[in-house]
Amino acid sequence: MVTVIIIVVVLAVLIGVTLVVVAGVRNSKDLTQDPLAERLAEYSQRGESVSLEDIELSQPFSERVVMPFMRRLGEISARFTPQNVLEQTRIKLELAGNPGRIDASTFMILHFVAAVLLGILIFVISLFSKTFSLPIKILLVVGFTVLGYFLPDLLLKSRIDSRQKSVRKAMPDALDLLTICVEAGLGFDAAMAKVHEKWDNELALAFGRVIREIQLGKLRRDALRDMAERLGIAEMTSFVAAVVQSEMLGVSMAKVLRIQSDQMRVRRRQYAEEQAHKAPIKMIFPMGLLIFPSLMIVLLTPAALRLMGALKYFS
């Protein structure tokens, strides 16, 4: 009996050692596998004779040189940047739809790169200009360098506002389509997939990402809440809360979607009226600084010339 137990233990140990060795060999192969080598193997299977250098050179210059260099600088700057600043930058990039697919540390480096490039550009231009004095040139270089530092934030803020405006404008029509699809017998996920298929805007892309996350195993309510956080719109947060609550309570989804569609249409009308009321106030500055001075010059210049001529005549 003891001999049988010893034999079983030895066999178990041998099998365990064999499995560990095989797993280690496979892991070492995976770690040493090169993505460029995979591409080369793919081209070889197609019958095309290419080299690794040709595959690398086929990529754009920005992906081969610029972006790796920026990512490296971003990794260095992340060590000296507070974590809350990186988190806030990451949230802003998510709200903007992450244009360029860059991370927070790389975006922080863009501030310094833009400041240096714009400062050098203005410095080179000032070298060939003889109109301004040296203090004015120094002031221009410093001013444009500071402007270059804040330029990425301004562009990102503009991108966030444009994206949220596009989503807010498309929400009532999207909810109408969701309501029609659900009333026709489709599930909510299939209705979102239909919106993603028919439309090509920011809201359709957001729905498409939710569908992919659900297919990867994420809960629908979690995927919808993450979408609301990525968009940062109160209307979307309210819509997601209503959908999640109806799912938990067993309320008819079609009825909830119809109510939400009517509310979104009212909110879109109210938002348009709000922007219309803001327009006269926003027009004061360009009218006072640009339009009125031009009108004064056009209208008063002939009278001023006649007055000067009359004064010369009497003198």
C-alpha atoms as a PDB file:
ATOM      1  CA  MET A   1       0.000   0.000   0.000  1.00  0.00           C
ATOM      2  CA  VAL A   2       2.851   2.351   0.860  1.00  0.00           C
ATOM      3  CA  THR A   3       4.571   1.459  -2.407  1.00  0.00           C
ATOM      4  CA  VAL A   4       1.436   2.364  -4.403  1.00  0.00           C
ATOM      5  CA  ILE A   5       1.178   5.729  -2.642  1.00  0.00           C
ATOM      6  CA  ILE A   6       4.855   6.458  -3.368  1.00  0.00           C
ATOM      7  CA  ILE A   7       4.378   5.577  -7.048  1.00  0.00           C
ATOM      8  CA  VAL A   8       1.291   7.835  -7.293  1.00  0.00           C
ATOM      9  CA  VAL A   9       3.147  10.729  -5.631  1.00  0.00           C
ATOM     10  CA  VAL A  10       6.144  10.312  -7.956  1.00  0.00           C
ATOM     11  CA  LEU A  11       3.891  10.244 -11.023  1.00  0.00           C
ATOM     12  CA  ALA A  12       2.056  13.343  -9.813  1.00  0.00           C
ATOM     13  CA  VAL A  13       5.356  15.146  -9.269  1.00  0.00           C
ATOM     14  CA  LEU A  14       6.623  14.137 -12.720  1.00  0.00           C
ATOM     15  CA  ILE A  15       3.395  15.275 -14.397  1.00  0.00           C
ATOM     16  CA  GLY A  16       3.503  18.573 -12.487  1.00  0.00           C
ATOM     17  CA  VAL A  17       7.135  19.209 -13.454  1.00  0.00           C
ATOM     18  CA  THR A  18       6.345  18.380 -17.091  1.00  0.00           C
ATOM     19  CA  LEU A  19       3.403  20.809 -17.154  1.00  0.00           C
ATOM     20  CA  VAL A  20       5.502  23.571 -15.575  1.00  0.00           C
ATOM     21  CA  VAL A  21       8.294  23.069 -18.120  1.00  0.00           C
ATOM     22  CA  VAL A  22       5.874  23.070 -21.048  1.00  0.00           C
ATOM     23  CA  ALA A  23       4.148  26.197 -19.737  1.00  0.00           C
ATOM     24  CA  GLY A  24       7.499  27.932 -19.261  1.00  0.00           C
ATOM     25  CA  VAL A  25       8.567  27.110 -22.802  1.00  0.00           C
ATOM     26  CA  ARG A  26       5.301  28.447 -24.188  1.00  0.00           C
ATOM     27  CA  ASN A  27       5.530  31.613 -22.125  1.00  0.00           C
ATOM     28  CA  SER A  28       9.110  32.204 -23.225  1.00  0.00           C
ATOM     29  CA  LYS A  29       8.023  31.806 -26.835  1.00  0.00           C
ATOM     30  CA  ASP A  30       5.214  34.302 -26.329  1.00  0.00           C
ATOM     31  CA  LEU A  31       7.546  36.791 -24.661  1.00  0.00           C
ATOM     32  CA  THR A  32      10.150  36.536 -27.365  1.00  0.00           C
ATOM     33  CA  GLN A  33       7.594  36.813 -30.155  1.00  0.00           C
ATOM     34  CA  ASP A  34       7.974  40.015 -32.126  1.00  0.00           C
ATOM     35  CA  PRO A  35       4.912  41.728 -33.648  1.00  0.00           C
ATOM     36  CA  LEU A  36       6.995  42.665 -36.685  1.00  0.00           C
ATOM     37  CA  ALA A  37       7.891  39.001 -37.079  1.00  0.00           C
ATOM     38  CA  GLU A  38       4.186  38.166 -36.970  1.00  0.00           C
ATOM     39  CA  ARG A  39       3.555  40.674 -39.746  1.00  0.00           C
ATOM     40  CA  LEU A  40       6.399  39.204 -41.746  1.00  0.00           C
ATOM     41  CA  ALA A  41       4.937  35.726 -41.341  1.00  0.00           C
ATOM     42  CA  GLU A  42       1.568  37.034 -42.473  1.00  0.00           C
ATOM     43  CA  TYR A  43       3.072  38.573 -45.600  1.00  0.00           C
ATOM     44  CA  SER A  44       4.983  35.341 -46.238  1.00  0.00           C
ATOM     45  CA  GLN A  45       1.762  33.349 -46.113  1.00  0.00           C
ATOM     46  CA  ARG A  46       0.292  35.696 -48.691  1.00  0.00           C
ATOM     47  CA  GLY A  47       3.261  35.038 -50.941  1.00  0.00           C
ATOM     48  CA  GLU A  48       4.631  38.573 -50.739  1.00  0.00           C
ATOM     49  CA  SER A  49       8.374  38.997 -50.279  1.00  0.00           C
ATOM     50  CA  VAL A  50       8.939  41.785 -47.769  1.00  0.00           C
ATOM     51  CA  SER A  51      11.397  42.420 -44.993  1.00  0.00           C
ATOM     52  CA  LEU A  52      11.048  43.802 -41.496  1.00  0.00           C
ATOM     53  CA  GLU A  53      12.567  47.069 -42.667  1.00  0.00           C
ATOM     54  CA  ASP A  54       9.930  47.422 -45.394  1.00  0.00           C
ATOM     55  CA  ILE A  55       7.129  46.767 -42.905  1.00  0.00           C
ATOM     56  CA  GLU A  56       8.568  49.308 -40.486  1.00  0.00           C
ATOM     57  CA  LEU A  57       9.030  51.921 -43.195  1.00  0.00           C
ATOM     58  CA  SER A  58       5.476  51.380 -44.411  1.00  0.00           C
ATOM     59  CA  GLN A  59       4.181  52.941 -41.205  1.00  0.00           C
ATOM     60  CA  PRO A  60       3.735  56.732 -41.029  1.00  0.00           C
ATOM     61  CA  PHE A  61       6.618  58.809 -39.693  1.00  0.00           C
ATOM     62  CA  SER A  62       4.499  59.943 -36.751  1.00  0.00           C
ATOM     63  CA  GLU A  63       3.944  56.351 -35.575  1.00  0.00           C
ATOM     64  CA  ARG A  64       7.547  55.286 -36.171  1.00  0.00           C
ATOM     65  CA  VAL A  65       9.385  58.230 -34.614  1.00  0.00           C
ATOM     66  CA  VAL A  66       7.198  60.989 -33.189  1.00  0.00           C
ATOM     67  CA  MET A  67       4.722  59.009 -31.067  1.00  0.00           C
ATOM     68  CA  PRO A  68       7.328  56.647 -29.506  1.00  0.00           C
ATOM     69  CA  PHE A  69       9.463  59.677 -28.633  1.00  0.00           C
ATOM     70  CA  MET A  70       6.462  61.462 -27.128  1.00  0.00           C
ATOM     71  CA  ARG A  71       5.472  58.383 -25.132  1.00  0.00           C
ATOM     72  CA  ARG A  72       8.990  58.102 -23.766  1.00  0.00           C
ATOM     73  CA  LEU A  73       8.955  61.739 -22.688  1.00  0.00           C
ATOM     74  CA  GLY A  74       5.505  61.168 -21.201  1.00  0.00           C
ATOM     75  CA  GLU A  75       6.770  58.255 -19.118  1.00  0.00           C
ATOM     76  CA  ILE A  76       9.556  60.450 -17.770  1.00  0.00           C
ATOM     77  CA  SER A  77       7.220  63.355 -16.977  1.00  0.00           C
ATOM     78  CA  ALA A  78       4.708  61.036 -15.267  1.00  0.00           C
ATOM     79  CA  ARG A  79       7.245  60.420 -12.506  1.00  0.00           C
ATOM     80  CA  PHE A  80       7.209  64.110 -11.552  1.00  0.00           C
ATOM     81  CA  THR A  81       3.503  64.816 -12.169  1.00  0.00           C
ATOM     82  CA  PRO A  82       0.956  64.490  -9.326  1.00  0.00           C
ATOM     83  CA  GLN A  83      -1.407  61.569  -9.730  1.00  0.00           C
ATOM     84  CA  ASN A  84      -4.529  63.715  -9.437  1.00  0.00           C
ATOM     85  CA  VAL A  85      -3.360  65.892 -12.348  1.00  0.00           C
ATOM     86  CA  LEU A  86      -2.882  62.811 -14.520  1.00  0.00           C
ATOM     87  CA  GLU A  87      -6.310  61.517 -13.488  1.00  0.00           C
ATOM     88  CA  GLN A  88      -7.994  64.822 -14.351  1.00  0.00           C
ATOM     89  CA  THR A  89      -6.219  64.865 -17.707  1.00  0.00           C
ATOM     90  CA  ARG A  90      -7.323  61.294 -18.380  1.00  0.00           C
ATOM     91  CA  ILE A  91     -10.928  62.238 -17.618  1.00  0.00           C
ATOM     92  CA  LYS A  92     -10.729  65.215 -19.996  1.00  0.00           C
ATOM     93  CA  LEU A  93      -9.326  62.995 -22.740  1.00  0.00           C
ATOM     94  CA  GLU A  94     -12.200  60.554 -22.207  1.00  0.00           C
ATOM     95  CA  LEU A  95     -14.706  63.410 -22.409  1.00  0.00           C
ATOM     96  CA  ALA A  96     -13.117  64.505 -25.677  1.00  0.00           C
ATOM     97  CA  GLY A  97     -13.269  60.974 -27.106  1.00  0.00           C
ATOM     98  CA  ASN A  98      -9.495  60.581 -26.732  1.00  0.00           C
ATOM     99  CA  PRO A  99      -8.476  62.166 -30.043  1.00  0.00           C
ATOM    100  CA  GLY A 100      -5.208  60.731 -31.312  1.00  0.00           C
ATOM    101  CA  ARG A 101      -5.429  57.798 -28.858  1.00  0.00           C
ATOM    102  CA  ILE A 102      -2.840  59.307 -26.516  1.00  0.00           C
ATOM    103  CA  ASP A 103      -2.518  58.818 -22.785  1.00  0.00           C
ATOM    104  CA  ALA A 104      -2.497  61.480 -20.083  1.00  0.00           C
ATOM    105  CA  SER A 105       1.279  61.616 -19.666  1.00  0.00           C
ATOM    106  CA  THR A 106       1.820  62.099 -23.406  1.00  0.00           C
ATOM    107  CA  PHE A 107      -0.765  64.884 -23.440  1.00  0.00           C
ATOM    108  CA  MET A 108       1.058  66.637 -20.598  1.00  0.00           C
ATOM    109  CA  ILE A 109       4.226  66.632 -22.693  1.00  0.00           C
ATOM    110  CA  LEU A 110       2.292  68.264 -25.546  1.00  0.00           C
ATOM    111  CA  HIS A 111       2.076  71.445 -23.449  1.00  0.00           C
ATOM    112  CA  PHE A 112       5.858  71.837 -23.369  1.00  0.00           C
ATOM    113  CA  VAL A 113       6.306  70.750 -26.996  1.00  0.00           C
ATOM    114  CA  ALA A 114       3.714  73.254 -28.219  1.00  0.00           C
ATOM    115  CA  ALA A 115       5.209  76.018 -26.066  1.00  0.00           C
ATOM    116  CA  VAL A 116       8.746  75.385 -27.331  1.00  0.00           C
ATOM    117  CA  LEU A 117       7.722  75.078 -30.990  1.00  0.00           C
ATOM    118  CA  LEU A 118       5.566  78.208 -30.951  1.00  0.00           C
ATOM    119  CA  GLY A 119       8.215  80.165 -29.054  1.00  0.00           C
ATOM    120  CA  ILE A 120      10.936  79.115 -31.535  1.00  0.00           C
ATOM    121  CA  LEU A 121       8.674  79.980 -34.475  1.00  0.00           C
ATOM    122  CA  ILE A 122       7.972  83.487 -33.186  1.00  0.00           C
ATOM    123  CA  PHE A 123      11.676  83.945 -32.327  1.00  0.00           C
ATOM    124  CA  VAL A 124      12.738  83.003 -35.866  1.00  0.00           C
ATOM    125  CA  ILE A 125      10.119  85.326 -37.360  1.00  0.00           C
ATOM    126  CA  SER A 126      11.230  88.176 -35.087  1.00  0.00           C
ATOM    127  CA  LEU A 127      14.834  87.780 -36.244  1.00  0.00           C
ATOM    128  CA  PHE A 128      13.839  88.741 -39.799  1.00  0.00           C
ATOM    129  CA  SER A 129      11.500  91.518 -38.699  1.00  0.00           C
ATOM    130  CA  LYS A 130      12.816  95.031 -38.258  1.00  0.00           C
ATOM    131  CA  THR A 131       9.484  96.607 -37.362  1.00  0.00           C
ATOM    132  CA  PHE A 132       9.524  95.877 -33.621  1.00  0.00           C
ATOM    133  CA  SER A 133      12.145  96.783 -31.076  1.00  0.00           C
ATOM    134  CA  LEU A 134      14.015  94.238 -28.956  1.00  0.00           C
ATOM    135  CA  PRO A 135      11.766  94.511 -25.851  1.00  0.00           C
ATOM    136  CA  ILE A 136       8.668  94.052 -28.023  1.00  0.00           C
ATOM    137  CA  LYS A 137      10.226  90.991 -29.657  1.00  0.00           C
ATOM    138  CA  ILE A 138      11.057  89.461 -26.269  1.00  0.00           C
ATOM    139  CA  LEU A 139       7.521  90.156 -25.078  1.00  0.00           C
ATOM    140  CA  LEU A 140       6.053  88.502 -28.190  1.00  0.00           C
ATOM    141  CA  VAL A 141       8.233  85.407 -27.794  1.00  0.00           C
ATOM    142  CA  VAL A 142       7.314  85.049 -24.116  1.00  0.00           C
ATOM    143  CA  GLY A 143       3.625  85.683 -24.798  1.00  0.00           C
ATOM    144  CA  PHE A 144       3.374  83.149 -27.612  1.00  0.00           C
ATOM    145  CA  THR A 145       5.354  80.602 -25.572  1.00  0.00           C
ATOM    146  CA  VAL A 146       2.804  80.894 -22.770  1.00  0.00           C
ATOM    147  CA  LEU A 147       0.007  80.679 -25.350  1.00  0.00           C
ATOM    148  CA  GLY A 148       1.580  77.514 -26.779  1.00  0.00           C
ATOM    149  CA  TYR A 149       1.629  75.952 -23.329  1.00  0.00           C
ATOM    150  CA  PHE A 150      -2.122  76.460 -22.897  1.00  0.00           C
ATOM    151  CA  LEU A 151      -2.963  75.703 -26.545  1.00  0.00           C
ATOM    152  CA  PRO A 152      -3.510  71.913 -26.049  1.00  0.00           C
ATOM    153  CA  ASP A 153      -5.929  72.603 -23.192  1.00  0.00           C
ATOM    154  CA  LEU A 154      -7.848  75.090 -25.308  1.00  0.00           C
ATOM    155  CA  LEU A 155      -8.096  72.645 -28.199  1.00  0.00           C
ATOM    156  CA  LEU A 156      -9.141  69.852 -25.835  1.00  0.00           C
ATOM    157  CA  LYS A 157     -11.822  72.053 -24.265  1.00  0.00           C
ATOM    158  CA  SER A 158     -13.117  72.944 -27.715  1.00  0.00           C
ATOM    159  CA  ARG A 159     -13.200  69.256 -28.639  1.00  0.00           C
ATOM    160  CA  ILE A 160     -15.135  68.392 -25.452  1.00  0.00           C
ATOM    161  CA  ASP A 161     -17.716  71.122 -26.080  1.00  0.00           C
ATOM    162  CA  SER A 162     -18.131  70.088 -29.725  1.00  0.00           C
ATOM    163  CA  ARG A 163     -18.554  66.416 -28.804  1.00  0.00           C
ATOM    164  CA  GLN A 164     -21.068  67.095 -26.046  1.00  0.00           C
ATOM    165  CA  LYS A 165     -23.025  69.423 -28.309  1.00  0.00           C
ATOM    166  CA  SER A 166     -23.149  66.756 -31.021  1.00  0.00           C
ATOM    167  CA  VAL A 167     -24.343  64.092 -28.555  1.00  0.00           C
ATOM    168  CA  ARG A 168     -26.944  66.421 -27.021  1.00  0.00           C
ATOM    169  CA  LYS A 169     -28.280  67.260 -30.465  1.00  0.00           C
ATOM    170  CA  ALA A 170     -28.505  63.614 -31.579  1.00  0.00           C
ATOM    171  CA  MET A 171     -30.044  62.161 -28.420  1.00  0.00           C
ATOM    172  CA  PRO A 172     -33.780  62.790 -29.131  1.00  0.00           C
ATOM    173  CA  ASP A 173     -33.609  61.231 -32.606  1.00  0.00           C
ATOM    174  CA  ALA A 174     -31.527  58.330 -31.289  1.00  0.00           C
ATOM    175  CA  LEU A 175     -34.056  57.667 -28.533  1.00  0.00           C
ATOM    176  CA  ASP A 176     -36.845  57.742 -31.120  1.00  0.00           C
ATOM    177  CA  LEU A 177     -35.033  55.076 -33.103  1.00  0.00           C
ATOM    178  CA  LEU A 178     -34.399  53.051 -29.936  1.00  0.00           C
ATOM    179  CA  THR A 179     -38.103  53.280 -29.077  1.00  0.00           C
ATOM    180  CA  ILE A 180     -39.169  52.124 -32.536  1.00  0.00           C
ATOM    181  CA  CYS A 181     -36.739  49.199 -32.475  1.00  0.00           C
ATOM    182  CA  VAL A 182     -37.793  48.091 -28.981  1.00  0.00           C
ATOM    183  CA  GLU A 183     -41.501  48.367 -29.820  1.00  0.00           C
ATOM    184  CA  ALA A 184     -40.840  46.313 -32.968  1.00  0.00           C
ATOM    185  CA  GLY A 185     -39.565  43.452 -30.810  1.00  0.00           C
ATOM    186  CA  LEU A 186     -35.802  43.996 -30.621  1.00  0.00           C
ATOM    187  CA  GLY A 187     -33.912  43.895 -27.348  1.00  0.00           C
ATOM    188  CA  PHE A 188     -32.275  47.000 -25.964  1.00  0.00           C
ATOM    189  CA  ASP A 189     -28.788  45.799 -26.945  1.00  0.00           C
ATOM    190  CA  ALA A 190     -29.946  45.044 -30.492  1.00  0.00           C
ATOM    191  CA  ALA A 191     -31.603  48.481 -30.665  1.00  0.00           C
ATOM    192  CA  MET A 192     -28.340  50.175 -29.659  1.00  0.00           C
ATOM    193  CA  ALA A 193     -26.524  48.090 -32.275  1.00  0.00           C
ATOM    194  CA  LYS A 194     -29.047  49.301 -34.862  1.00  0.00           C
ATOM    195  CA  VAL A 195     -28.350  52.942 -33.932  1.00  0.00           C
ATOM    196  CA  HIS A 196     -24.617  52.267 -34.204  1.00  0.00           C
ATOM    197  CA  GLU A 197     -25.163  50.676 -37.610  1.00  0.00           C
ATOM    198  CA  LYS A 198     -27.394  53.363 -39.106  1.00  0.00           C
ATOM    199  CA  TRP A 199     -25.667  56.503 -37.854  1.00  0.00           C
ATOM    200  CA  ASP A 200     -22.151  57.881 -37.912  1.00  0.00           C
ATOM    201  CA  ASN A 201     -21.809  60.371 -35.067  1.00  0.00           C
ATOM    202  CA  GLU A 202     -20.405  60.561 -31.543  1.00  0.00           C
ATOM    203  CA  LEU A 203     -23.514  59.050 -29.933  1.00  0.00           C
ATOM    204  CA  ALA A 204     -23.504  56.094 -32.331  1.00  0.00           C
ATOM    205  CA  LEU A 205     -19.814  55.500 -31.560  1.00  0.00           C
ATOM    206  CA  ALA A 206     -20.580  55.593 -27.834  1.00  0.00           C
ATOM    207  CA  PHE A 207     -23.355  53.017 -28.302  1.00  0.00           C
ATOM    208  CA  GLY A 208     -20.995  50.860 -30.338  1.00  0.00           C
ATOM    209  CA  ARG A 209     -18.435  50.882 -27.542  1.00  0.00           C
ATOM    210  CA  VAL A 210     -21.135  49.858 -25.051  1.00  0.00           C
ATOM    211  CA  ILE A 211     -22.095  46.930 -27.297  1.00  0.00           C
ATOM    212  CA  ARG A 212     -18.478  45.773 -27.528  1.00  0.00           C
ATOM    213  CA  GLU A 213     -18.035  45.997 -23.751  1.00  0.00           C
ATOM    214  CA  ILE A 214     -21.194  43.957 -23.199  1.00  0.00           C
ATOM    215  CA  GLN A 215     -19.956  41.337 -25.662  1.00  0.00           C
ATOM    216  CA  LEU A 216     -16.706  41.128 -23.704  1.00  0.00           C
ATOM    217  CA  GLY A 217     -18.634  40.240 -20.542  1.00  0.00           C
ATOM    218  CA  LYS A 218     -19.317  43.581 -18.890  1.00  0.00           C
ATOM    219  CA  LEU A 219     -22.697  44.121 -17.256  1.00  0.00           C
ATOM    220  CA  ARG A 220     -25.005  46.319 -19.275  1.00  0.00           C
ATOM    221  CA  ARG A 221     -25.697  48.742 -16.430  1.00  0.00           C
ATOM    222  CA  ASP A 222     -21.971  49.145 -15.784  1.00  0.00           C
ATOM    223  CA  ALA A 223     -21.265  49.707 -19.484  1.00  0.00           C
ATOM    224  CA  LEU A 224     -24.045  52.312 -19.698  1.00  0.00           C
ATOM    225  CA  ARG A 225     -22.823  54.125 -16.572  1.00  0.00           C
ATOM    226  CA  ASP A 226     -19.282  54.199 -17.956  1.00  0.00           C
ATOM    227  CA  MET A 227     -20.651  55.654 -21.199  1.00  0.00           C
ATOM    228  CA  ALA A 228     -22.445  58.389 -19.255  1.00  0.00           C
ATOM    229  CA  GLU A 229     -19.199  59.229 -17.431  1.00  0.00           C
ATOM    230  CA  ARG A 230     -17.265  59.334 -20.710  1.00  0.00           C
ATOM    231  CA  LEU A 231     -19.768  61.762 -22.249  1.00  0.00           C
ATOM    232  CA  GLY A 232     -20.273  63.976 -19.201  1.00  0.00           C
ATOM    233  CA  ILE A 233     -23.784  65.146 -20.159  1.00  0.00           C
ATOM    234  CA  ALA A 234     -26.585  65.478 -17.635  1.00  0.00           C
ATOM    235  CA  GLU A 235     -29.150  64.263 -20.184  1.00  0.00           C
ATOM    236  CA  MET A 236     -27.199  61.057 -20.787  1.00  0.00           C
ATOM    237  CA  THR A 237     -26.782  60.465 -17.052  1.00  0.00           C
ATOM    238  CA  SER A 238     -30.551  60.837 -16.579  1.00  0.00           C
ATOM    239  CA  PHE A 239     -31.251  58.491 -19.491  1.00  0.00           C
ATOM    240  CA  VAL A 240     -28.868  55.821 -18.192  1.00  0.00           C
ATOM    241  CA  ALA A 241     -30.339  56.059 -14.699  1.00  0.00           C
ATOM    242  CA  ALA A 242     -33.859  55.583 -16.105  1.00  0.00           C
ATOM    243  CA  VAL A 243     -32.802  52.584 -18.214  1.00  0.00           C
ATOM    244  CA  VAL A 244     -30.976  50.914 -15.323  1.00  0.00           C
ATOM    245  CA  GLN A 245     -33.897  51.526 -12.976  1.00  0.00           C
ATOM    246  CA  SER A 246     -36.410  50.118 -15.474  1.00  0.00           C
ATOM    247  CA  GLU A 247     -34.227  47.031 -15.905  1.00  0.00           C
ATOM    248  CA  MET A 248     -34.043  46.473 -12.138  1.00  0.00           C
ATOM    249  CA  LEU A 249     -37.779  47.074 -11.532  1.00  0.00           C
ATOM    250  CA  GLY A 250     -39.046  45.270 -14.620  1.00  0.00           C
ATOM    251  CA  VAL A 251     -40.768  48.304 -16.159  1.00  0.00           C
ATOM    252  CA  SER A 252     -41.564  48.298 -19.882  1.00  0.00           C
ATOM    253  CA  MET A 253     -38.445  49.485 -21.720  1.00  0.00           C
ATOM    254  CA  ALA A 254     -40.436  50.905 -24.642  1.00  0.00           C
ATOM    255  CA  LYS A 255     -42.503  53.131 -22.339  1.00  0.00           C
ATOM    256  CA  VAL A 256     -39.393  54.385 -20.546  1.00  0.00           C
ATOM    257  CA  LEU A 257     -37.659  55.145 -23.846  1.00  0.00           C
ATOM    258  CA  ARG A 258     -40.684  57.039 -25.153  1.00  0.00           C
ATOM    259  CA  ILE A 259     -40.838  59.193 -22.007  1.00  0.00           C
ATOM    260  CA  GLN A 260     -37.096  59.834 -22.177  1.00  0.00           C
ATOM    261  CA  SER A 261     -37.363  60.747 -25.861  1.00  0.00           C
ATOM    262  CA  ASP A 262     -40.026  63.379 -25.142  1.00  0.00           C
ATOM    263  CA  GLN A 263     -37.975  64.792 -22.273  1.00  0.00           C
ATOM    264  CA  MET A 264     -34.820  64.956 -24.401  1.00  0.00           C
ATOM    265  CA  ARG A 265     -36.698  66.796 -27.125  1.00  0.00           C
ATOM    266  CA  VAL A 266     -37.934  69.364 -24.605  1.00  0.00           C
ATOM    267  CA  ARG A 267     -34.413  69.751 -23.192  1.00  0.00           C
ATOM    268  CA  ARG A 268     -32.971  70.232 -26.672  1.00  0.00           C
ATOM    269  CA  ARG A 269     -35.514  72.991 -27.342  1.00  0.00           C
ATOM    270  CA  GLN A 270     -34.694  74.627 -24.014  1.00  0.00           C
ATOM    271  CA  TYR A 271     -30.975  74.418 -24.769  1.00  0.00           C
ATOM    272  CA  ALA A 272     -31.531  76.065 -28.177  1.00  0.00           C
ATOM    273  CA  GLU A 273     -33.552  78.859 -26.546  1.00  0.00           C
ATOM    274  CA  GLU A 274     -30.811  79.342 -23.966  1.00  0.00           C
ATOM    275  CA  GLN A 275     -28.189  79.683 -26.673  1.00  0.00           C
ATOM    276  CA  ALA A 276     -30.424  82.115 -28.563  1.00  0.00           C
ATOM    277  CA  HIS A 277     -30.748  84.320 -25.460  1.00  0.00           C
ATOM    278  CA  LYS A 278     -26.960  84.271 -25.014  1.00  0.00           C
ATOM    279  CA  ALA A 279     -26.306  85.338 -28.613  1.00  0.00           C
ATOM    280  CA  PRO A 280     -26.966  89.109 -28.187  1.00  0.00           C
ATOM    281  CA  ILE A 281     -24.605  89.277 -25.207  1.00  0.00           C
ATOM    282  CA  LYS A 282     -21.908  87.423 -27.115  1.00  0.00           C
ATOM    283  CA  MET A 283     -22.328  89.785 -30.083  1.00  0.00           C
ATOM    284  CA  ILE A 284     -21.564  92.877 -27.989  1.00  0.00           C
ATOM    285  CA  PHE A 285     -17.786  92.360 -27.983  1.00  0.00           C
ATOM    286  CA  PRO A 286     -17.235  91.794 -31.742  1.00  0.00           C
ATOM    287  CA  MET A 287     -19.665  94.603 -32.545  1.00  0.00           C
ATOM    288  CA  GLY A 288     -18.009  97.036 -30.140  1.00  0.00           C
ATOM    289  CA  LEU A 289     -14.441  96.138 -31.115  1.00  0.00           C
ATOM    290  CA  LEU A 290     -14.764  95.401 -34.835  1.00  0.00           C
ATOM    291  CA  ILE A 291     -18.025  96.481 -36.444  1.00  0.00           C
ATOM    292  CA  PHE A 292     -18.676  99.856 -34.805  1.00  0.00           C
ATOM    293  CA  PRO A 293     -15.112 101.201 -35.310  1.00  0.00           C
ATOM    294  CA  SER A 294     -15.279 100.236 -38.984  1.00  0.00           C
ATOM    295  CA  LEU A 295     -18.639 101.965 -39.387  1.00  0.00           C
ATOM    296  CA  MET A 296     -17.336 105.076 -37.643  1.00  0.00           C
ATOM    297  CA  ILE A 297     -14.324 105.202 -39.940  1.00  0.00           C
ATOM    298  CA  VAL A 298     -16.459 104.746 -43.072  1.00  0.00           C
ATOM    299  CA  LEU A 299     -19.063 107.309 -42.029  1.00  0.00           C
ATOM    300  CA  LEU A 300     -16.921 109.979 -40.373  1.00  0.00           C
ATOM    301  CA  THR A 301     -13.830 109.953 -42.593  1.00  0.00           C
ATOM    302  CA  PRO A 302     -15.452 111.989 -45.436  1.00  0.00           C
ATOM    303  CA  ALA A 303     -16.827 114.504 -42.934  1.00  0.00           C
ATOM    304  CA  ALA A 304     -13.420 114.777 -41.251  1.00  0.00           C
ATOM    305  CA  LEU A 305     -11.702 115.348 -44.604  1.00  0.00           C
ATOM    306  CA  ARG A 306     -14.194 118.089 -45.542  1.00  0.00           C
ATOM    307  CA  LEU A 307     -13.787 119.730 -42.147  1.00  0.00           C
ATOM    308  CA  MET A 308      -9.991 119.714 -42.515  1.00  0.00           C
ATOM    309  CA  GLY A 309     -10.325 121.213 -45.992  1.00  0.00           C
ATOM    310  CA  ALA A 310     -12.620 123.933 -44.727  1.00  0.00           C
ATOM    311  CA  LEU A 311     -10.257 124.811 -41.880  1.00  0.00           C
ATOM    312  CA  LYS A 312      -7.360 125.096 -44.338  1.00  0.00           C
ATOM    313  CA  TYR A 313      -9.463 127.354 -46.549  1.00  0.00           C
ATOM    314  CA  PHE A 314     -10.290 129.736 -43.689  1.00  0.00           C
ATOM    315  CA  SER A 315      -6.739 129.707 -42.399  1.00  0.00           C
END
